[in-house]
Amino acid sequence: PSTTPNLSEIIARELEEVETHQPSTPTTTRRPRNRKAPFQSHHQREDPGSTCAREVMLGEPVPSSSYHPGMIFLALHAEPAWTVKWSKKCPSTGFMKNTPYGRVMVKQRFFVVVARWHEHCVALPMFTHQGVGVARKPHRNEFVPVRDHRSTQSSPQMPYLWTKEMSDGAVVLHPLTHVQMSRPVSRDYSVPVTVMGRLDQRSMVLLVAMYAEYVRSALEMQVSGAL
């Protein structure tokens, strides 16, 4: 008989270790010099309300073989500016674009890969929600806190996920940064991104397991009519 643990067992085992888990010795990932993607020293400071302190030039398309679960990259994230209130906030948090179909916010955002396919990967976006985290969110089970191993700031919640390596040009993640499991995006390998780092092995396994379990349980509830 198979002794391979199921997703629930993986999640339960990993969460038992969360309280005693400590981040690994801080390391950085050196990137080759690229004039098309300059980084300045201010990207290395801890930003009070965003996972991306300043807009930066994105690099070249990354080979598909470089995409693996746990990889963190910076890429453009576009979505409709769905309310007037949000549209007024956008100039300070991203770029507003007028289109024939309405206003769109285009912002650089951090993503973490949870699955890869032949021509694209599936990644989850990171949010700070203007630096307040998920305190005002009604469905907090959709979010998983992530912690930068280089951070010197205290965090009000015990993070489930830790970074292992981050680029020497990457801003230190805000203490209230969360990965949102309910908003996956598909990213084609031909689209330029900038690789920023990766989660540690434990965090990668936990995030993939939690995401798979979250999707499975949500689909089951929808099929049964419970959601």
Protein backbone atom coordinates (compact mmCIF):
# COMPACT_ATOMS: atom_id res chain seq x y z
CA PRO A 1 0.00 0.00 0.00
CA SER A 2 1.14 3.55 -0.75
CA THR A 3 2.51 5.58 2.13
CA THR A 4 2.61 8.88 0.24
CA PRO A 5 1.00 11.58 2.44
CA ASN A 6 -1.99 13.44 1.05
CA LEU A 7 -2.26 17.22 0.83
CA SER A 8 -4.02 17.58 4.16
CA GLU A 9 -1.27 15.64 5.91
CA ILE A 10 1.43 17.79 4.30
CA ILE A 11 -0.33 20.99 5.36
CA ALA A 12 -0.94 19.76 8.91
CA ARG A 13 2.67 18.63 9.33
CA GLU A 14 4.12 21.86 7.97
CA LEU A 15 1.84 24.10 10.02
CA GLU A 16 2.94 22.30 13.19
CA GLU A 17 6.46 23.51 12.42
CA VAL A 18 5.51 27.11 11.67
CA GLU A 19 5.86 28.38 15.23
CA THR A 20 9.38 27.00 15.59
CA HIS A 21 10.54 27.67 12.04
CA GLN A 22 13.31 30.22 11.60
CA PRO A 23 14.45 31.66 8.28
CA SER A 24 17.67 30.37 6.79
CA THR A 25 20.84 32.41 6.80
CA PRO A 26 20.18 35.43 4.58
CA THR A 27 21.49 35.02 1.06
CA THR A 28 21.15 37.04 -2.09
CA THR A 29 20.88 36.10 -5.72
CA ARG A 30 23.29 38.01 -7.91
CA ARG A 31 21.94 39.00 -11.30
CA PRO A 32 24.12 39.76 -14.32
CA ARG A 33 24.41 43.43 -15.21
CA ASN A 34 21.61 44.47 -17.54
CA ARG A 35 21.38 48.02 -18.80
CA LYS A 36 17.72 47.46 -19.62
CA ALA A 37 16.91 46.65 -16.00
CA PRO A 38 18.80 49.10 -13.76
CA PHE A 39 18.34 48.89 -10.01
CA GLN A 40 19.09 51.71 -7.61
CA SER A 41 20.00 51.47 -3.94
CA HIS A 42 16.55 52.66 -2.81
CA HIS A 43 15.07 49.34 -3.94
CA GLN A 44 16.86 47.63 -1.07
CA ARG A 45 15.15 49.51 1.73
CA GLU A 46 12.04 48.26 3.48
CA ASP A 47 9.01 49.90 1.94
CA PRO A 48 6.16 50.94 4.31
CA GLY A 49 3.25 50.11 2.03
CA SER A 50 4.14 48.11 -1.04
CA THR A 51 6.01 45.06 -2.23
CA CYS A 52 7.52 47.21 -4.99
CA ALA A 53 8.87 50.58 -3.85
CA ARG A 54 9.56 52.08 -7.28
CA GLU A 55 8.76 51.13 -10.84
CA VAL A 56 11.73 49.43 -12.54
CA MET A 57 12.49 48.33 -16.07
CA LEU A 58 11.65 44.67 -16.56
CA GLY A 59 14.27 42.29 -17.91
CA GLU A 60 14.21 39.90 -20.83
CA PRO A 61 11.92 36.84 -21.18
CA VAL A 62 13.15 34.09 -18.87
CA PRO A 63 13.70 30.55 -20.27
CA SER A 64 10.88 28.18 -19.38
CA SER A 65 13.39 25.89 -17.65
CA SER A 66 14.01 28.65 -15.08
CA TYR A 67 10.41 28.61 -13.85
CA HIS A 68 9.85 26.39 -10.83
CA PRO A 69 7.37 26.41 -7.92
CA GLY A 70 8.55 28.90 -5.32
CA MET A 71 10.23 31.23 -7.82
CA ILE A 72 9.45 34.91 -7.15
CA PHE A 73 9.37 37.31 -10.08
CA LEU A 74 8.40 40.90 -10.82
CA ALA A 75 5.98 41.50 -13.69
CA LEU A 76 3.25 43.83 -14.91
CA HIS A 77 -0.19 43.26 -13.41
CA ALA A 78 -3.15 44.83 -15.21
CA GLU A 79 -6.76 44.96 -14.01
CA PRO A 80 -9.80 47.23 -14.40
CA ALA A 81 -10.03 50.23 -12.07
CA TRP A 82 -13.44 49.14 -10.89
CA THR A 83 -14.46 52.07 -8.64
CA VAL A 84 -14.06 55.84 -8.65
CA LYS A 85 -12.46 55.66 -5.19
CA TRP A 86 -9.88 53.16 -6.42
CA SER A 87 -9.19 55.24 -9.53
CA LYS A 88 -8.30 58.24 -7.38
CA LYS A 89 -5.82 56.13 -5.39
CA CYS A 90 -4.11 54.66 -8.42
CA PRO A 91 -1.77 57.55 -9.31
CA SER A 92 0.19 56.90 -6.10
CA THR A 93 0.20 53.10 -6.39
CA GLY A 94 0.55 52.40 -10.08
CA PHE A 95 -0.35 53.71 -13.52
CA MET A 96 -3.81 54.52 -14.82
CA LYS A 97 -4.54 53.94 -18.50
CA ASN A 98 -7.65 55.04 -20.36
CA THR A 99 -8.92 52.48 -22.87
CA PRO A 100 -12.07 52.27 -25.03
CA TYR A 101 -13.40 49.81 -22.45
CA GLY A 102 -12.72 51.89 -19.34
CA ARG A 103 -9.82 52.76 -17.06
CA VAL A 104 -7.20 50.13 -16.33
CA MET A 105 -4.57 50.02 -13.60
CA VAL A 106 -1.18 48.67 -14.66
CA LYS A 107 1.24 48.04 -11.84
CA GLN A 108 4.43 46.09 -11.28
CA ARG A 109 3.83 43.33 -8.76
CA PHE A 110 5.61 40.40 -7.20
CA PHE A 111 4.34 36.89 -8.05
CA VAL A 112 5.29 33.44 -6.81
CA VAL A 113 5.06 30.40 -9.10
CA VAL A 114 2.91 27.46 -7.99
CA ALA A 115 2.79 25.43 -11.23
CA ARG A 116 4.46 25.32 -14.62
CA TRP A 117 3.24 24.06 -18.00
CA HIS A 118 4.70 23.83 -21.51
CA GLU A 119 4.12 27.46 -22.53
CA HIS A 120 3.14 29.24 -19.33
CA CYS A 121 3.23 29.13 -15.55
CA VAL A 122 0.56 29.73 -12.94
CA ALA A 123 1.58 32.27 -10.29
CA LEU A 124 -0.02 33.93 -7.27
CA PRO A 125 0.21 37.70 -6.70
CA MET A 126 1.53 39.34 -3.54
CA PHE A 127 -0.33 42.23 -1.87
CA THR A 128 0.16 44.55 1.09
CA HIS A 129 -3.21 46.33 0.62
CA GLN A 130 -1.75 49.78 1.16
CA GLY A 131 0.37 48.52 4.04
CA VAL A 132 -2.50 47.32 6.27
CA GLY A 133 -2.44 43.65 5.31
CA VAL A 134 -5.62 41.58 5.47
CA ALA A 135 -7.11 43.14 8.60
CA ARG A 136 -10.03 44.55 6.60
CA LYS A 137 -10.51 41.53 4.36
CA PRO A 138 -13.65 39.43 5.04
CA HIS A 139 -12.17 36.21 3.60
CA ARG A 140 -8.75 35.95 5.18
CA ASN A 141 -8.47 32.25 4.37
CA GLU A 142 -7.65 33.31 0.81
CA PHE A 143 -4.34 34.82 1.94
CA VAL A 144 -1.05 33.37 3.16
CA PRO A 145 1.51 35.65 4.90
CA VAL A 146 5.03 35.65 3.48
CA ARG A 147 8.14 36.96 5.22
CA ASP A 148 11.39 38.26 3.74
CA HIS A 149 14.40 36.56 5.35
CA ARG A 150 16.28 39.90 5.19
CA SER A 151 13.64 41.87 7.08
CA THR A 152 14.45 43.56 10.39
CA GLN A 153 10.88 44.70 11.10
CA SER A 154 8.60 42.83 13.47
CA SER A 155 5.49 41.17 12.11
CA PRO A 156 2.09 41.01 13.89
CA GLN A 157 1.37 37.52 12.59
CA MET A 158 3.40 34.33 12.40
CA PRO A 159 4.35 33.97 8.71
CA TYR A 160 3.71 30.66 7.02
CA LEU A 161 6.16 31.34 4.19
CA TRP A 162 9.76 32.54 4.14
CA THR A 163 11.98 33.63 1.30
CA LYS A 164 15.29 31.82 0.86
CA GLU A 165 17.06 34.04 -1.66
CA MET A 166 16.29 37.51 -2.98
CA SER A 167 18.06 39.60 -5.60
CA ASP A 168 20.39 42.27 -4.32
CA GLY A 169 18.15 44.74 -6.19
CA ALA A 170 14.87 43.55 -4.67
CA VAL A 171 13.02 45.70 -2.17
CA VAL A 172 12.60 44.03 1.24
CA LEU A 173 9.04 42.70 1.42
CA HIS A 174 6.70 44.58 3.72
CA PRO A 175 5.92 42.64 6.96
CA LEU A 176 2.22 42.51 6.00
CA THR A 177 2.78 41.07 2.53
CA HIS A 178 0.40 38.23 1.68
CA VAL A 179 0.10 35.79 -1.20
CA GLN A 180 -3.50 35.57 -2.44
CA MET A 181 -4.46 32.01 -3.39
CA SER A 182 -7.80 32.99 -4.95
CA ARG A 183 -6.28 35.21 -7.68
CA PRO A 184 -3.96 33.01 -9.77
CA VAL A 185 -2.65 34.40 -13.04
CA SER A 186 -1.31 32.68 -16.15
CA ARG A 187 2.04 34.05 -17.31
CA ASP A 188 3.37 33.16 -20.76
CA TYR A 189 7.10 32.46 -20.85
CA SER A 190 7.54 34.93 -23.73
CA VAL A 191 6.57 37.87 -21.48
CA PRO A 192 9.52 39.79 -19.93
CA VAL A 193 9.85 39.44 -16.17
CA THR A 194 12.57 40.06 -13.62
CA VAL A 195 13.50 37.15 -11.37
CA MET A 196 13.64 38.43 -7.79
CA GLY A 197 14.26 35.32 -5.69
CA ARG A 198 12.61 32.20 -4.32
CA LEU A 199 10.90 30.71 -1.29
CA ASP A 200 12.72 28.21 0.88
CA GLN A 201 11.97 24.54 0.26
CA ARG A 202 9.58 24.13 3.20
CA SER A 203 7.60 27.22 2.19
CA MET A 204 7.42 26.13 -1.46
CA VAL A 205 6.03 22.71 -0.54
CA LEU A 206 3.56 24.25 1.89
CA LEU A 207 2.30 26.91 -0.53
CA VAL A 208 1.78 24.44 -3.39
CA ALA A 209 -0.04 22.04 -1.04
CA MET A 210 -2.22 24.81 0.43
CA TYR A 211 -3.06 26.18 -3.02
CA ALA A 212 -3.99 22.73 -4.35
CA GLU A 213 -6.14 22.01 -1.30
CA TYR A 214 -7.75 25.46 -1.45
CA VAL A 215 -8.73 25.03 -5.12
CA ARG A 216 -9.94 21.45 -4.58
CA SER A 217 -12.14 22.33 -1.59
CA ALA A 218 -13.53 25.48 -3.26
CA LEU A 219 -14.48 23.56 -6.42
CA GLU A 220 -16.10 20.79 -4.38
CA MET A 221 -18.23 23.33 -2.51
CA GLN A 222 -19.24 25.07 -5.73
CA VAL A 223 -20.25 21.80 -7.39
CA SER A 224 -22.26 20.81 -4.33
CA GLY A 225 -23.89 24.25 -4.14
CA ALA A 226 -22.44 25.09 -0.74
CA LEU A 227 -20.51 28.11 -2.01
